[in-house]
C-alpha atoms as a PDB file:
ATOM      1  CA  MET A   1     -25.028 176.255   4.921  1.00  0.00           C
ATOM      2  CA  THR A   2     -27.236 173.361   3.705  1.00  0.00           C
ATOM      3  CA  VAL A   3     -30.153 174.269   6.274  1.00  0.00           C
ATOM      4  CA  LYS A   4     -30.678 177.668   5.044  1.00  0.00           C
ATOM      5  CA  ARG A   5     -30.671 176.260   1.321  1.00  0.00           C
ATOM      6  CA  ASP A   6     -33.189 173.168   2.089  1.00  0.00           C
ATOM      7  CA  SER A   7     -35.518 176.154   3.962  1.00  0.00           C
ATOM      8  CA  PHE A   8     -35.415 178.081   0.956  1.00  0.00           C
ATOM      9  CA  SER A   9     -35.947 175.359  -1.473  1.00  0.00           C
ATOM     10  CA  LYS A  10     -39.322 174.282   0.567  1.00  0.00           C
ATOM     11  CA  ILE A  11     -40.232 177.644   0.843  1.00  0.00           C
ATOM     12  CA  LEU A  12     -39.887 177.745  -2.915  1.00  0.00           C
ATOM     13  CA  ARG A  13     -41.912 174.941  -3.607  1.00  0.00           C
ATOM     14  CA  TYR A  14     -44.732 175.941  -1.258  1.00  0.00           C
ATOM     15  CA  SER A  15     -45.218 179.179  -3.181  1.00  0.00           C
ATOM     16  CA  SER A  16     -45.182 177.150  -6.579  1.00  0.00           C
ATOM     17  CA  ILE A  17     -47.940 175.013  -5.003  1.00  0.00           C
ATOM     18  CA  PHE A  18     -49.921 178.212  -4.181  1.00  0.00           C
ATOM     19  CA  CYS A  19     -49.200 179.761  -7.264  1.00  0.00           C
ATOM     20  CA  ALA A  20     -50.104 176.897  -9.606  1.00  0.00           C
ATOM     21  CA  LEU A  21     -53.374 177.090  -7.659  1.00  0.00           C
ATOM     22  CA  VAL A  22     -53.999 180.896  -8.200  1.00  0.00           C
ATOM     23  CA  GLY A  23     -53.238 180.131 -11.798  1.00  0.00           C
ATOM     24  CA  GLY A  24     -55.789 176.923 -12.531  1.00  0.00           C
ATOM     25  CA  ILE A  25     -58.487 178.952 -11.002  1.00  0.00           C
ATOM     26  CA  LEU A  26     -58.288 181.928 -12.952  1.00  0.00           C
ATOM     27  CA  LEU A  27     -57.944 180.161 -16.279  1.00  0.00           C
ATOM     28  CA  ALA A  28     -60.689 177.792 -15.210  1.00  0.00           C
ATOM     29  CA  SER A  29     -62.958 180.867 -14.044  1.00  0.00           C
ATOM     30  CA  LYS A  30     -63.079 181.781 -17.913  1.00  0.00           C
ATOM     31  CA  VAL A  31     -63.558 185.306 -16.687  1.00  0.00           C
ATOM     32  CA  SER A  32     -62.263 188.600 -18.546  1.00  0.00           C
ATOM     33  CA  PHE A  33     -58.683 188.223 -17.180  1.00  0.00           C
ATOM     34  CA  SER A  34     -58.362 184.683 -16.904  1.00  0.00           C
ATOM     35  CA  GLY A  35     -55.493 185.020 -19.013  1.00  0.00           C
ATOM     36  CA  TYR A  36     -53.354 186.327 -16.428  1.00  0.00           C
ATOM     37  CA  GLY A  37     -53.317 182.901 -14.793  1.00  0.00           C
ATOM     38  CA  PHE A  38     -50.543 181.924 -16.845  1.00  0.00           C
ATOM     39  CA  ILE A  39     -48.630 184.474 -15.231  1.00  0.00           C
ATOM     40  CA  PHE A  40     -49.000 182.715 -11.901  1.00  0.00           C
ATOM     41  CA  LEU A  41     -47.989 179.575 -13.912  1.00  0.00           C
ATOM     42  CA  ALA A  42     -45.314 180.937 -15.385  1.00  0.00           C
ATOM     43  CA  LEU A  43     -44.234 182.078 -11.472  1.00  0.00           C
ATOM     44  CA  SER A  44     -44.641 178.247 -10.510  1.00  0.00           C
ATOM     45  CA  SER A  45     -42.879 176.869 -12.887  1.00  0.00           C
ATOM     46  CA  SER A  46     -39.858 179.210 -12.367  1.00  0.00           C
ATOM     47  CA  GLN A  47     -39.912 178.685  -8.416  1.00  0.00           C
ATOM     48  CA  LEU A  48     -40.124 174.787  -9.330  1.00  0.00           C
ATOM     49  CA  LEU A  49     -36.789 175.200 -11.462  1.00  0.00           C
ATOM     50  CA  MET A  50     -35.428 176.806  -9.160  1.00  0.00           C
ATOM     51  CA  ALA A  51     -35.640 174.674  -6.175  1.00  0.00           C
ATOM     52  CA  SER A  52     -35.181 171.863  -8.285  1.00  0.00           C
ATOM     53  CA  ILE A  53     -31.822 173.517  -9.200  1.00  0.00           C
ATOM     54  CA  GLN A  54     -30.813 173.868  -5.600  1.00  0.00           C
ATOM     55  CA  GLU A  55     -31.668 170.295  -5.160  1.00  0.00           C
ATOM     56  CA  ARG A  56     -29.941 168.947  -8.010  1.00  0.00           C
ATOM     57  CA  ASP A  57     -32.900 167.139  -8.736  1.00  0.00           C
ATOM     58  CA  THR A  58     -32.710 166.267 -12.509  1.00  0.00           C
ATOM     59  CA  ASN A  59     -35.974 165.022 -12.985  1.00  0.00           C
ATOM     60  CA  THR A  60     -38.148 168.102 -11.607  1.00  0.00           C
ATOM     61  CA  MET A  61     -35.694 169.925 -13.262  1.00  0.00           C
ATOM     62  CA  ILE A  62     -36.385 169.253 -16.714  1.00  0.00           C
ATOM     63  CA  TYR A  63     -40.266 169.056 -16.023  1.00  0.00           C
ATOM     64  CA  ALA A  64     -40.387 172.226 -14.398  1.00  0.00           C
ATOM     65  CA  ALA A  65     -38.202 174.181 -17.409  1.00  0.00           C
ATOM     66  CA  SER A  66     -40.273 172.291 -20.282  1.00  0.00           C
ATOM     67  CA  VAL A  67     -43.016 173.619 -18.775  1.00  0.00           C
ATOM     68  CA  PHE A  68     -41.888 176.810 -18.322  1.00  0.00           C
ATOM     69  CA  ILE A  69     -40.650 177.305 -21.436  1.00  0.00           C
ATOM     70  CA  PHE A  70     -43.374 175.502 -23.661  1.00  0.00           C
ATOM     71  CA  VAL A  71     -46.425 175.950 -22.131  1.00  0.00           C
ATOM     72  CA  ASP A  72     -46.474 179.366 -19.751  1.00  0.00           C
ATOM     73  CA  CYS A  73     -44.287 181.388 -22.009  1.00  0.00           C
ATOM     74  CA  PHE A  74     -46.435 180.311 -24.657  1.00  0.00           C
ATOM     75  CA  GLY A  75     -49.800 181.414 -22.584  1.00  0.00           C
ATOM     76  CA  VAL A  76     -48.166 184.531 -21.534  1.00  0.00           C
ATOM     77  CA  TYR A  77     -47.801 185.777 -25.488  1.00  0.00           C
ATOM     78  CA  ARG A  78     -51.100 184.220 -26.424  1.00  0.00           C
ATOM     79  CA  TRP A  79     -53.119 185.695 -23.941  1.00  0.00           C
ATOM     80  CA  ILE A  80     -51.467 188.734 -22.499  1.00  0.00           C
ATOM     81  CA  LEU A  81     -48.847 189.973 -25.301  1.00  0.00           C
ATOM     82  CA  ASN A  82     -50.578 189.531 -28.052  1.00  0.00           C
END
């Protein structure tokens, strides 16, 4: 069971890297739909949070939760919902 959990956690971390890159590129490109980069950044932080919860990595858990809650959710609200 730990092998499946470890491999799923690894998939979440790699997917988080991909989403962070896409989100950062969208925001940096400064095009009309750049604000959607925050959705990818929110996905990245939430995936990192789930992986850190599975691995019981407290430091990464706190980091991912704070970035997700304060930065990414605010960006989604500010750029897309508002």
